[in-house]
Amino acid sequence: MGKSQKAKTICGILVLGIVFLHITGFPVLAEDGTQNWRPIYDTIMIWVNFAILIFLIYRYGRGPFQSFLSTQAKQVSGEIQKAEKQKDEILAAISQTQKKMQESSDRYDQIKTRIIEEGRRLRQQIIDDARSQGEQMIEREKNNATRRIAEGRKKVINELVDAATDMAQNRLPAELNNEDHSKMVEFYIRDIHKM
């Protein structure tokens, strides 16, 4: 502390002491001298002792009190910095967690979209396979039906031929004579030579 600061402090204390003396001196001025001076003296001494106590506290207690306050300020400042650092770490962790949650949500949406597309593709493939198999079955059944119809026709024709042959064998001998028989043989022999 510089000399000018000490001088200001001492002047301030003296002015304060004088003000206190003047404030406590009004009862003395109002006295006409016939009363006891002891109560006034006691009041003045209380204020003087109070001023001395304030001066001693200021003079010798100011340094330790200021160092205590600066120590407390440093501790509080350190705690505030520590709390701010923890707050920043927590905010960074929250930000990172939110970022991971967003990435997870985006990944979930991608997986969901991919699964839906895969499901649609599989569904379409199943439909196409079923359609192809259905068409193949229809084609097989058409071929089977055509084959069965052909077989049925052939069978009907064979049965008709057999029936016609049976009818011809039954009727022809009765209606066919020798002359007709010889004409048929000649006709048959001519057809064989043409071949």
N, C-alpha and C. Protein backbone atom coordinates (compact mmCIF):
# COMPACT_ATOMS: atom_id res chain seq x y z
N MET A 1 0.86 -1.16 0.00
CA MET A 1 0.00 0.00 0.00
C MET A 1 0.91 1.23 0.00
N GLY A 2 0.58 2.20 -0.84
CA GLY A 2 1.41 3.40 -0.94
C GLY A 2 1.17 4.36 0.21
N LYS A 3 2.07 5.40 0.30
CA LYS A 3 1.95 6.39 1.39
C LYS A 3 0.69 7.22 1.24
N SER A 4 0.32 7.53 0.03
CA SER A 4 -0.88 8.36 -0.16
C SER A 4 -2.13 7.58 0.27
N GLN A 5 -2.12 6.29 0.05
CA GLN A 5 -3.25 5.48 0.47
C GLN A 5 -3.33 5.43 1.99
N LYS A 6 -2.17 5.28 2.65
CA LYS A 6 -2.15 5.26 4.12
C LYS A 6 -2.62 6.60 4.67
N ALA A 7 -2.18 7.67 4.06
CA ALA A 7 -2.57 9.01 4.53
C ALA A 7 -4.07 9.19 4.37
N LYS A 8 -4.62 8.74 3.26
CA LYS A 8 -6.06 8.85 3.07
C LYS A 8 -6.80 8.04 4.12
N THR A 9 -6.28 6.85 4.44
CA THR A 9 -6.93 6.00 5.42
C THR A 9 -6.90 6.67 6.80
N ILE A 10 -5.76 7.20 7.17
CA ILE A 10 -5.62 7.86 8.50
C ILE A 10 -6.52 9.09 8.56
N CYS A 11 -6.55 9.87 7.50
CA CYS A 11 -7.42 11.06 7.47
C CYS A 11 -8.88 10.65 7.58
N GLY A 12 -9.24 9.58 6.90
CA GLY A 12 -10.63 9.11 6.96
C GLY A 12 -10.99 8.70 8.38
N ILE A 13 -10.06 8.01 9.07
CA ILE A 13 -10.34 7.56 10.44
C ILE A 13 -10.45 8.76 11.38
N LEU A 14 -9.57 9.76 11.21
CA LEU A 14 -9.64 10.96 12.07
C LEU A 14 -10.95 11.72 11.85
N VAL A 15 -11.33 11.86 10.60
CA VAL A 15 -12.58 12.57 10.31
C VAL A 15 -13.75 11.80 10.93
N LEU A 16 -13.73 10.50 10.81
CA LEU A 16 -14.78 9.67 11.39
C LEU A 16 -14.81 9.85 12.90
N GLY A 17 -13.63 9.87 13.52
CA GLY A 17 -13.57 10.05 14.97
C GLY A 17 -14.11 11.40 15.40
N ILE A 18 -13.76 12.43 14.64
CA ILE A 18 -14.24 13.78 14.98
C ILE A 18 -15.77 13.85 14.82
N VAL A 19 -16.28 13.22 13.76
CA VAL A 19 -17.73 13.23 13.56
C VAL A 19 -18.41 12.52 14.73
N PHE A 20 -17.85 11.40 15.16
CA PHE A 20 -18.44 10.69 16.30
C PHE A 20 -18.38 11.54 17.57
N LEU A 21 -17.28 12.23 17.76
CA LEU A 21 -17.17 13.09 18.96
C LEU A 21 -18.21 14.21 18.91
N HIS A 22 -18.40 14.77 17.74
CA HIS A 22 -19.39 15.84 17.63
C HIS A 22 -20.82 15.33 17.82
N ILE A 23 -21.05 14.14 17.30
CA ILE A 23 -22.40 13.59 17.44
C ILE A 23 -22.68 13.30 18.91
N THR A 24 -21.70 12.77 19.61
CA THR A 24 -21.92 12.44 21.01
C THR A 24 -21.74 13.66 21.92
N GLY A 25 -21.27 14.77 21.38
CA GLY A 25 -21.03 15.97 22.20
C GLY A 25 -22.24 16.84 22.39
N PHE A 26 -23.32 16.63 21.68
CA PHE A 26 -24.51 17.48 21.82
C PHE A 26 -25.09 17.44 23.22
N PRO A 27 -25.11 16.28 23.85
CA PRO A 27 -25.62 16.33 25.23
C PRO A 27 -24.72 17.19 26.14
N VAL A 28 -23.42 17.28 25.86
CA VAL A 28 -22.50 18.08 26.68
C VAL A 28 -22.80 19.55 26.49
N LEU A 29 -23.04 19.93 25.25
CA LEU A 29 -23.31 21.34 24.97
C LEU A 29 -24.64 21.78 25.59
N ALA A 30 -25.56 20.87 25.72
CA ALA A 30 -26.84 21.21 26.30
C ALA A 30 -26.77 21.32 27.81
N GLU A 31 -25.71 20.88 28.40
CA GLU A 31 -25.56 20.91 29.85
C GLU A 31 -25.17 22.33 30.30
N ASP A 32 -25.59 22.67 31.46
CA ASP A 32 -25.20 23.97 32.00
C ASP A 32 -24.12 23.84 33.06
N GLY A 33 -23.59 22.62 33.23
CA GLY A 33 -22.47 22.39 34.11
C GLY A 33 -22.84 21.97 35.50
N THR A 34 -24.09 21.86 35.83
CA THR A 34 -24.48 21.52 37.16
C THR A 34 -24.60 20.02 37.37
N GLN A 35 -24.71 19.27 36.28
CA GLN A 35 -24.88 17.84 36.43
C GLN A 35 -23.54 17.13 36.42
N ASN A 36 -23.66 15.87 36.67
CA ASN A 36 -22.48 15.02 36.71
C ASN A 36 -21.98 14.80 35.29
N TRP A 37 -20.72 14.90 35.12
CA TRP A 37 -20.10 14.74 33.78
C TRP A 37 -19.80 13.29 33.45
N ARG A 38 -19.95 12.37 34.36
CA ARG A 38 -19.58 10.96 34.15
C ARG A 38 -20.39 10.25 33.06
N PRO A 39 -21.69 10.36 32.98
CA PRO A 39 -22.40 9.68 31.90
C PRO A 39 -21.98 10.14 30.51
N ILE A 40 -21.72 11.44 30.38
CA ILE A 40 -21.28 11.95 29.08
C ILE A 40 -19.89 11.40 28.76
N TYR A 41 -19.03 11.39 29.75
CA TYR A 41 -17.69 10.84 29.55
C TYR A 41 -17.76 9.37 29.15
N ASP A 42 -18.64 8.62 29.79
CA ASP A 42 -18.79 7.20 29.45
C ASP A 42 -19.26 7.02 28.00
N THR A 43 -20.20 7.83 27.59
CA THR A 43 -20.68 7.75 26.21
C THR A 43 -19.57 8.07 25.23
N ILE A 44 -18.82 9.11 25.52
CA ILE A 44 -17.71 9.49 24.63
C ILE A 44 -16.67 8.38 24.59
N MET A 45 -16.36 7.80 25.72
CA MET A 45 -15.35 6.74 25.76
C MET A 45 -15.84 5.48 25.03
N ILE A 46 -17.13 5.22 25.09
CA ILE A 46 -17.66 4.08 24.33
C ILE A 46 -17.39 4.31 22.85
N TRP A 47 -17.65 5.52 22.39
CA TRP A 47 -17.45 5.81 20.95
C TRP A 47 -15.97 5.83 20.61
N VAL A 48 -15.13 6.33 21.53
CA VAL A 48 -13.68 6.33 21.27
C VAL A 48 -13.17 4.89 21.23
N ASN A 49 -13.61 4.09 22.17
CA ASN A 49 -13.20 2.68 22.17
C ASN A 49 -13.70 1.95 20.89
N PHE A 50 -14.92 2.31 20.49
CA PHE A 50 -15.45 1.71 19.27
C PHE A 50 -14.59 2.13 18.06
N ALA A 51 -14.20 3.40 18.02
CA ALA A 51 -13.36 3.89 16.92
C ALA A 51 -12.00 3.20 16.96
N ILE A 52 -11.44 3.02 18.16
CA ILE A 52 -10.14 2.33 18.28
C ILE A 52 -10.27 0.88 17.82
N LEU A 53 -11.36 0.25 18.22
CA LEU A 53 -11.60 -1.14 17.80
C LEU A 53 -11.71 -1.24 16.27
N ILE A 54 -12.45 -0.31 15.68
CA ILE A 54 -12.59 -0.30 14.22
C ILE A 54 -11.22 -0.09 13.59
N PHE A 55 -10.42 0.85 14.12
CA PHE A 55 -9.08 1.11 13.58
C PHE A 55 -8.21 -0.13 13.69
N LEU A 56 -8.24 -0.82 14.85
CA LEU A 56 -7.41 -2.02 15.02
C LEU A 56 -7.85 -3.15 14.07
N ILE A 57 -9.18 -3.29 13.96
CA ILE A 57 -9.67 -4.33 13.03
C ILE A 57 -9.26 -3.98 11.61
N TYR A 58 -9.39 -2.68 11.27
CA TYR A 58 -9.03 -2.27 9.91
C TYR A 58 -7.52 -2.43 9.69
N ARG A 59 -6.76 -2.02 10.67
CA ARG A 59 -5.29 -2.03 10.52
C ARG A 59 -4.73 -3.45 10.50
N TYR A 60 -5.13 -4.26 11.46
CA TYR A 60 -4.52 -5.60 11.58
C TYR A 60 -5.40 -6.73 11.02
N GLY A 61 -6.65 -6.49 10.87
CA GLY A 61 -7.53 -7.55 10.38
C GLY A 61 -7.80 -7.46 8.88
N ARG A 62 -7.46 -6.31 8.30
CA ARG A 62 -7.74 -6.13 6.88
C ARG A 62 -6.95 -7.11 6.03
N GLY A 63 -5.67 -7.28 6.27
CA GLY A 63 -4.83 -8.18 5.48
C GLY A 63 -5.32 -9.63 5.54
N PRO A 64 -5.47 -10.20 6.77
CA PRO A 64 -5.96 -11.56 6.84
C PRO A 64 -7.38 -11.71 6.27
N PHE A 65 -8.22 -10.68 6.51
CA PHE A 65 -9.57 -10.76 5.98
C PHE A 65 -9.56 -10.71 4.45
N GLN A 66 -8.70 -9.82 3.91
CA GLN A 66 -8.60 -9.76 2.45
C GLN A 66 -8.02 -11.05 1.87
N SER A 67 -7.02 -11.62 2.56
CA SER A 67 -6.47 -12.88 2.06
C SER A 67 -7.50 -14.01 2.18
N PHE A 68 -8.30 -13.98 3.27
CA PHE A 68 -9.37 -14.95 3.41
C PHE A 68 -10.37 -14.80 2.26
N LEU A 69 -10.77 -13.55 2.00
CA LEU A 69 -11.72 -13.31 0.91
C LEU A 69 -11.13 -13.71 -0.44
N SER A 70 -9.84 -13.41 -0.66
CA SER A 70 -9.25 -13.77 -1.96
C SER A 70 -9.12 -15.30 -2.07
N THR A 71 -8.80 -15.96 -0.93
CA THR A 71 -8.75 -17.42 -0.95
C THR A 71 -10.12 -18.00 -1.24
N GLN A 72 -11.13 -17.46 -0.59
CA GLN A 72 -12.49 -17.92 -0.83
C GLN A 72 -12.90 -17.64 -2.28
N ALA A 73 -12.49 -16.47 -2.78
CA ALA A 73 -12.81 -16.13 -4.17
C ALA A 73 -12.14 -17.11 -5.12
N LYS A 74 -10.88 -17.45 -4.82
CA LYS A 74 -10.17 -18.41 -5.68
C LYS A 74 -10.83 -19.79 -5.61
N GLN A 75 -11.20 -20.20 -4.39
CA GLN A 75 -11.86 -21.50 -4.26
C GLN A 75 -13.20 -21.52 -5.00
N VAL A 76 -13.97 -20.48 -4.80
CA VAL A 76 -15.27 -20.40 -5.47
C VAL A 76 -15.06 -20.34 -6.99
N SER A 77 -14.06 -19.56 -7.42
CA SER A 77 -13.76 -19.47 -8.85
C SER A 77 -13.35 -20.84 -9.40
N GLY A 78 -12.51 -21.55 -8.62
CA GLY A 78 -12.10 -22.90 -9.03
C GLY A 78 -13.29 -23.84 -9.12
N GLU A 79 -14.17 -23.76 -8.11
CA GLU A 79 -15.36 -24.62 -8.13
C GLU A 79 -16.28 -24.26 -9.30
N ILE A 80 -16.40 -22.96 -9.58
CA ILE A 80 -17.22 -22.53 -10.72
C ILE A 80 -16.62 -23.05 -12.02
N GLN A 81 -15.28 -22.92 -12.15
CA GLN A 81 -14.62 -23.42 -13.36
C GLN A 81 -14.79 -24.94 -13.48
N LYS A 82 -14.65 -25.63 -12.35
CA LYS A 82 -14.84 -27.08 -12.35
C LYS A 82 -16.27 -27.43 -12.74
N ALA A 83 -17.24 -26.71 -12.18
CA ALA A 83 -18.64 -26.95 -12.50
C ALA A 83 -18.92 -26.65 -13.98
N GLU A 84 -18.32 -25.56 -14.50
CA GLU A 84 -18.51 -25.24 -15.92
C GLU A 84 -17.87 -26.30 -16.80
N LYS A 85 -16.70 -26.81 -16.37
CA LYS A 85 -16.05 -27.87 -17.14
C LYS A 85 -16.93 -29.12 -17.14
N GLN A 86 -17.47 -29.49 -15.97
CA GLN A 86 -18.37 -30.64 -15.90
C GLN A 86 -19.61 -30.41 -16.74
N LYS A 87 -20.13 -29.17 -16.69
CA LYS A 87 -21.31 -28.83 -17.50
C LYS A 87 -20.99 -29.00 -18.98
N ASP A 88 -19.82 -28.51 -19.41
CA ASP A 88 -19.42 -28.65 -20.82
C ASP A 88 -19.26 -30.11 -21.19
N GLU A 89 -18.68 -30.92 -20.28
CA GLU A 89 -18.52 -32.35 -20.55
C GLU A 89 -19.89 -33.02 -20.66
N ILE A 90 -20.80 -32.65 -19.77
CA ILE A 90 -22.15 -33.24 -19.79
C ILE A 90 -22.87 -32.82 -21.07
N LEU A 91 -22.74 -31.53 -21.44
CA LEU A 91 -23.37 -31.07 -22.67
C LEU A 91 -22.79 -31.78 -23.89
N ALA A 92 -21.45 -32.00 -23.87
CA ALA A 92 -20.82 -32.72 -24.98
C ALA A 92 -21.32 -34.16 -25.02
N ALA A 93 -21.44 -34.79 -23.83
CA ALA A 93 -21.96 -36.17 -23.78
C ALA A 93 -23.40 -36.22 -24.27
N ILE A 94 -24.21 -35.23 -23.86
CA ILE A 94 -25.60 -35.17 -24.32
C ILE A 94 -25.65 -34.98 -25.82
N SER A 95 -24.80 -34.08 -26.33
CA SER A 95 -24.76 -33.84 -27.77
C SER A 95 -24.35 -35.10 -28.51
N GLN A 96 -23.34 -35.79 -27.99
CA GLN A 96 -22.89 -37.03 -28.63
C GLN A 96 -23.98 -38.09 -28.56
N THR A 97 -24.65 -38.18 -27.44
CA THR A 97 -25.74 -39.15 -27.30
C THR A 97 -26.87 -38.84 -28.28
N GLN A 98 -27.20 -37.54 -28.39
CA GLN A 98 -28.24 -37.16 -29.35
C GLN A 98 -27.80 -37.48 -30.77
N LYS A 99 -26.51 -37.26 -31.06
CA LYS A 99 -25.99 -37.57 -32.40
C LYS A 99 -26.08 -39.07 -32.65
N LYS A 100 -25.70 -39.87 -31.65
CA LYS A 100 -25.78 -41.33 -31.81
C LYS A 100 -27.23 -41.76 -31.97
N MET A 101 -28.14 -41.13 -31.21
CA MET A 101 -29.56 -41.48 -31.33
C MET A 101 -30.06 -41.14 -32.73
N GLN A 102 -29.63 -39.99 -33.26
CA GLN A 102 -30.04 -39.61 -34.61
C GLN A 102 -29.48 -40.58 -35.63
N GLU A 103 -28.19 -40.95 -35.47
CA GLU A 103 -27.58 -41.93 -36.37
C GLU A 103 -28.32 -43.27 -36.27
N SER A 104 -28.64 -43.65 -35.04
CA SER A 104 -29.37 -44.91 -34.83
C SER A 104 -30.75 -44.84 -35.49
N SER A 105 -31.41 -43.70 -35.34
CA SER A 105 -32.73 -43.52 -35.95
C SER A 105 -32.62 -43.56 -37.48
N ASP A 106 -31.58 -42.91 -38.02
CA ASP A 106 -31.38 -42.94 -39.47
C ASP A 106 -31.08 -44.37 -39.93
N ARG A 107 -30.25 -45.06 -39.17
CA ARG A 107 -29.91 -46.45 -39.53
C ARG A 107 -31.16 -47.33 -39.45
N TYR A 108 -31.97 -47.11 -38.41
CA TYR A 108 -33.22 -47.86 -38.27
C TYR A 108 -34.13 -47.61 -39.48
N ASP A 109 -34.23 -46.33 -39.89
CA ASP A 109 -35.06 -46.01 -41.05
C ASP A 109 -34.52 -46.67 -42.31
N GLN A 110 -33.18 -46.69 -42.46
CA GLN A 110 -32.58 -47.35 -43.63
C GLN A 110 -32.88 -48.85 -43.61
N ILE A 111 -32.70 -49.47 -42.45
CA ILE A 111 -32.96 -50.91 -42.34
C ILE A 111 -34.43 -51.20 -42.61
N LYS A 112 -35.30 -50.37 -42.04
CA LYS A 112 -36.74 -50.54 -42.23
C LYS A 112 -37.09 -50.42 -43.71
N THR A 113 -36.53 -49.41 -44.38
CA THR A 113 -36.79 -49.22 -45.81
C THR A 113 -36.26 -50.40 -46.61
N ARG A 114 -35.05 -50.86 -46.26
CA ARG A 114 -34.46 -51.99 -46.97
C ARG A 114 -35.29 -53.25 -46.77
N ILE A 115 -35.77 -53.47 -45.55
CA ILE A 115 -36.60 -54.66 -45.27
C ILE A 115 -37.91 -54.58 -46.04
N ILE A 116 -38.51 -53.39 -46.07
CA ILE A 116 -39.77 -53.22 -46.80
C ILE A 116 -39.55 -53.48 -48.29
N GLU A 117 -38.45 -52.92 -48.83
CA GLU A 117 -38.15 -53.15 -50.25
C GLU A 117 -37.88 -54.63 -50.52
N GLU A 118 -37.15 -55.26 -49.61
CA GLU A 118 -36.85 -56.69 -49.77
C GLU A 118 -38.14 -57.50 -49.71
N GLY A 119 -39.04 -57.12 -48.81
CA GLY A 119 -40.34 -57.79 -48.70
C GLY A 119 -41.16 -57.62 -49.97
N ARG A 120 -41.16 -56.40 -50.50
CA ARG A 120 -41.89 -56.16 -51.74
C ARG A 120 -41.29 -56.97 -52.89
N ARG A 121 -39.96 -57.00 -52.93
CA ARG A 121 -39.30 -57.76 -53.99
C ARG A 121 -39.61 -59.24 -53.86
N LEU A 122 -39.54 -59.77 -52.63
CA LEU A 122 -39.86 -61.18 -52.41
C LEU A 122 -41.32 -61.47 -52.74
N ARG A 123 -42.21 -60.57 -52.34
CA ARG A 123 -43.63 -60.75 -52.64
C ARG A 123 -43.85 -60.80 -54.15
N GLN A 124 -43.20 -59.86 -54.86
CA GLN A 124 -43.35 -59.85 -56.32
C GLN A 124 -42.75 -61.11 -56.94
N GLN A 125 -41.61 -61.54 -56.38
CA GLN A 125 -40.99 -62.77 -56.89
C GLN A 125 -41.90 -63.97 -56.65
N ILE A 126 -42.52 -64.03 -55.46
CA ILE A 126 -43.45 -65.13 -55.15
C ILE A 126 -44.64 -65.08 -56.10
N ILE A 127 -45.15 -63.87 -56.35
CA ILE A 127 -46.29 -63.73 -57.26
C ILE A 127 -45.89 -64.16 -58.67
N ASP A 128 -44.69 -63.72 -59.10
CA ASP A 128 -44.22 -64.10 -60.43
C ASP A 128 -44.01 -65.61 -60.53
N ASP A 129 -43.40 -66.19 -59.49
CA ASP A 129 -43.19 -67.65 -59.49
C ASP A 129 -44.53 -68.39 -59.52
N ALA A 130 -45.49 -67.91 -58.72
CA ALA A 130 -46.81 -68.56 -58.69
C ALA A 130 -47.49 -68.42 -60.05
N ARG A 131 -47.37 -67.22 -60.64
CA ARG A 131 -47.97 -67.02 -61.96
C ARG A 131 -47.33 -67.95 -62.98
N SER A 132 -45.99 -68.04 -62.93
CA SER A 132 -45.27 -68.92 -63.86
C SER A 132 -45.68 -70.37 -63.65
N GLN A 133 -45.72 -70.79 -62.39
CA GLN A 133 -46.13 -72.17 -62.09
C GLN A 133 -47.57 -72.40 -62.53
N GLY A 134 -48.44 -71.42 -62.33
CA GLY A 134 -49.83 -71.54 -62.75
C GLY A 134 -49.93 -71.68 -64.26
N GLU A 135 -49.15 -70.83 -64.96
CA GLU A 135 -49.15 -70.92 -66.41
C GLU A 135 -48.63 -72.28 -66.87
N GLN A 136 -47.57 -72.76 -66.20
CA GLN A 136 -47.04 -74.08 -66.55
C GLN A 136 -48.07 -75.18 -66.29
N MET A 137 -48.77 -75.07 -65.16
CA MET A 137 -49.78 -76.06 -64.83
C MET A 137 -50.92 -76.01 -65.85
N ILE A 138 -51.32 -74.79 -66.21
CA ILE A 138 -52.38 -74.65 -67.21
C ILE A 138 -51.93 -75.26 -68.53
N GLU A 139 -50.68 -74.96 -68.93
CA GLU A 139 -50.16 -75.51 -70.18
C GLU A 139 -50.11 -77.03 -70.13
N ARG A 140 -49.64 -77.59 -68.98
CA ARG A 140 -49.61 -79.05 -68.82
C ARG A 140 -51.01 -79.64 -68.92
N GLU A 141 -51.94 -78.97 -68.24
CA GLU A 141 -53.32 -79.48 -68.26
C GLU A 141 -53.92 -79.36 -69.66
N LYS A 142 -53.58 -78.27 -70.39
CA LYS A 142 -54.05 -78.16 -71.77
C LYS A 142 -53.49 -79.30 -72.61
N ASN A 143 -52.17 -79.56 -72.43
CA ASN A 143 -51.55 -80.67 -73.17
C ASN A 143 -52.19 -82.00 -72.80
N ASN A 144 -52.41 -82.19 -71.49
CA ASN A 144 -53.07 -83.43 -71.04
C ASN A 144 -54.48 -83.54 -71.62
N ALA A 145 -55.20 -82.40 -71.60
CA ALA A 145 -56.56 -82.42 -72.13
C ALA A 145 -56.56 -82.72 -73.63
N THR A 146 -55.60 -82.06 -74.33
CA THR A 146 -55.50 -82.31 -75.78
C THR A 146 -55.17 -83.76 -76.04
N ARG A 147 -54.22 -84.30 -75.25
CA ARG A 147 -53.83 -85.70 -75.39
C ARG A 147 -55.01 -86.61 -75.08
N ARG A 148 -55.75 -86.29 -74.02
CA ARG A 148 -56.90 -87.12 -73.65
C ARG A 148 -57.99 -87.05 -74.73
N ILE A 149 -58.18 -85.81 -75.23
CA ILE A 149 -59.18 -85.67 -76.31
C ILE A 149 -58.77 -86.48 -77.52
N ALA A 150 -57.45 -86.39 -77.86
CA ALA A 150 -56.96 -87.15 -79.01
C ALA A 150 -57.12 -88.65 -78.76
N GLU A 151 -56.78 -89.05 -77.52
CA GLU A 151 -56.94 -90.47 -77.19
C GLU A 151 -58.41 -90.88 -77.25
N GLY A 152 -59.27 -89.99 -76.73
CA GLY A 152 -60.71 -90.28 -76.74
C GLY A 152 -61.23 -90.37 -78.17
N ARG A 153 -60.77 -89.43 -79.03
CA ARG A 153 -61.19 -89.48 -80.43
C ARG A 153 -60.73 -90.79 -81.08
N LYS A 154 -59.42 -91.07 -80.79
CA LYS A 154 -58.87 -92.29 -81.38
C LYS A 154 -59.65 -93.50 -80.91
N LYS A 155 -59.97 -93.49 -79.61
CA LYS A 155 -60.72 -94.62 -79.06
C LYS A 155 -62.11 -94.70 -79.69
N VAL A 156 -62.76 -93.52 -79.81
CA VAL A 156 -64.10 -93.49 -80.42
C VAL A 156 -64.02 -93.95 -81.86
N ILE A 157 -62.99 -93.46 -82.60
CA ILE A 157 -62.83 -93.86 -83.99
C ILE A 157 -62.59 -95.36 -84.07
N ASN A 158 -61.70 -95.85 -83.17
CA ASN A 158 -61.42 -97.31 -83.17
C ASN A 158 -62.69 -98.08 -82.86
N GLU A 159 -63.46 -97.59 -81.91
CA GLU A 159 -64.70 -98.28 -81.57
C GLU A 159 -65.67 -98.22 -82.74
N LEU A 160 -65.72 -97.05 -83.43
CA LEU A 160 -66.59 -96.93 -84.59
C LEU A 160 -66.13 -97.86 -85.72
N VAL A 161 -64.80 -97.90 -85.90
CA VAL A 161 -64.27 -98.78 -86.94
C VAL A 161 -64.59 -100.23 -86.58
N ASP A 162 -64.38 -100.56 -85.28
CA ASP A 162 -64.67 -101.94 -84.86
C ASP A 162 -66.17 -102.23 -85.04
N ALA A 163 -67.01 -101.28 -84.68
CA ALA A 163 -68.45 -101.48 -84.82
C ALA A 163 -68.82 -101.60 -86.29
N ALA A 164 -68.19 -100.72 -87.10
CA ALA A 164 -68.50 -100.77 -88.53
C ALA A 164 -68.00 -102.08 -89.13
N THR A 165 -66.83 -102.51 -88.67
CA THR A 165 -66.28 -103.77 -89.16
C THR A 165 -67.20 -104.91 -88.75
N ASP A 166 -67.62 -104.90 -87.50
CA ASP A 166 -68.53 -105.95 -87.04
C ASP A 166 -69.82 -105.93 -87.83
N MET A 167 -70.35 -104.74 -88.05
CA MET A 167 -71.59 -104.64 -88.82
C MET A 167 -71.36 -105.12 -90.25
N ALA A 168 -70.24 -104.72 -90.81
CA ALA A 168 -69.95 -105.12 -92.19
C ALA A 168 -69.77 -106.62 -92.26
N GLN A 169 -69.12 -107.21 -91.28
CA GLN A 169 -68.92 -108.66 -91.31
C GLN A 169 -70.25 -109.38 -91.15
N ASN A 170 -71.12 -108.81 -90.38
CA ASN A 170 -72.42 -109.44 -90.19
C ASN A 170 -73.31 -109.24 -91.42
N ARG A 171 -73.32 -108.10 -92.03
CA ARG A 171 -74.21 -107.81 -93.12
C ARG A 171 -73.64 -108.19 -94.47
N LEU A 172 -72.37 -108.03 -94.68
CA LEU A 172 -71.79 -108.25 -95.99
C LEU A 172 -71.93 -109.70 -96.45
N PRO A 173 -71.69 -110.69 -95.68
CA PRO A 173 -71.81 -112.03 -96.21
C PRO A 173 -73.22 -112.30 -96.72
N ALA A 174 -74.17 -111.70 -96.10
CA ALA A 174 -75.53 -111.97 -96.55
C ALA A 174 -75.82 -111.20 -97.84
N GLU A 175 -75.28 -110.02 -98.01
CA GLU A 175 -75.59 -109.20 -99.16
C GLU A 175 -74.56 -109.36 -100.26
N LEU A 176 -73.40 -109.85 -99.99
CA LEU A 176 -72.33 -109.96 -100.97
C LEU A 176 -72.45 -111.28 -101.72
N ASN A 177 -72.38 -111.21 -103.00
CA ASN A 177 -72.42 -112.44 -103.79
C ASN A 177 -71.04 -112.69 -104.38
N ASN A 178 -70.92 -113.74 -105.22
CA ASN A 178 -69.62 -114.13 -105.75
C ASN A 178 -69.11 -113.09 -106.73
N GLU A 179 -69.95 -112.54 -107.47
CA GLU A 179 -69.53 -111.55 -108.45
C GLU A 179 -68.99 -110.32 -107.76
N ASP A 180 -69.67 -109.83 -106.73
CA ASP A 180 -69.21 -108.68 -105.96
C ASP A 180 -67.89 -109.02 -105.27
N HIS A 181 -67.77 -110.22 -104.85
CA HIS A 181 -66.56 -110.66 -104.17
C HIS A 181 -65.38 -110.62 -105.12
N SER A 182 -65.56 -111.09 -106.34
CA SER A 182 -64.46 -111.11 -107.29
C SER A 182 -64.11 -109.68 -107.71
N LYS A 183 -65.08 -108.79 -107.81
CA LYS A 183 -64.78 -107.39 -108.14
C LYS A 183 -63.93 -106.75 -107.03
N MET A 184 -64.23 -107.02 -105.83
CA MET A 184 -63.49 -106.46 -104.69
C MET A 184 -62.07 -106.98 -104.69
N VAL A 185 -61.87 -108.20 -104.98
CA VAL A 185 -60.52 -108.77 -105.01
C VAL A 185 -59.73 -108.10 -106.12
N GLU A 186 -60.32 -107.92 -107.29
CA GLU A 186 -59.62 -107.28 -108.40
C GLU A 186 -59.26 -105.84 -108.03
N PHE A 187 -60.22 -105.14 -107.45
CA PHE A 187 -60.00 -103.76 -107.05
C PHE A 187 -58.83 -103.68 -106.05
N TYR A 188 -58.83 -104.61 -105.12
CA TYR A 188 -57.79 -104.65 -104.09
C TYR A 188 -56.43 -104.94 -104.73
N ILE A 189 -56.35 -105.82 -105.69
CA ILE A 189 -55.09 -106.18 -106.35
C ILE A 189 -54.61 -105.00 -107.18
N ARG A 190 -55.48 -104.29 -107.82
CA ARG A 190 -55.06 -103.13 -108.59
C ARG A 190 -54.49 -102.06 -107.67
N ASP A 191 -55.10 -101.87 -106.55
CA ASP A 191 -54.59 -100.87 -105.60
C ASP A 191 -53.21 -101.27 -105.08
N ILE A 192 -52.97 -102.53 -104.92
CA ILE A 192 -51.67 -102.99 -104.43
C ILE A 192 -50.62 -102.74 -105.50
N HIS A 193 -50.94 -102.95 -106.80
CA HIS A 193 -49.97 -102.73 -107.87
C HIS A 193 -49.64 -101.25 -108.01
N LYS A 194 -50.56 -100.37 -107.73
CA LYS A 194 -50.34 -98.93 -107.86
C LYS A 194 -49.34 -98.46 -106.82
N MET A 195 -49.30 -99.07 -105.77
CA MET A 195 -48.40 -98.65 -104.69
C MET A 195 -47.03 -98.97 -105.01
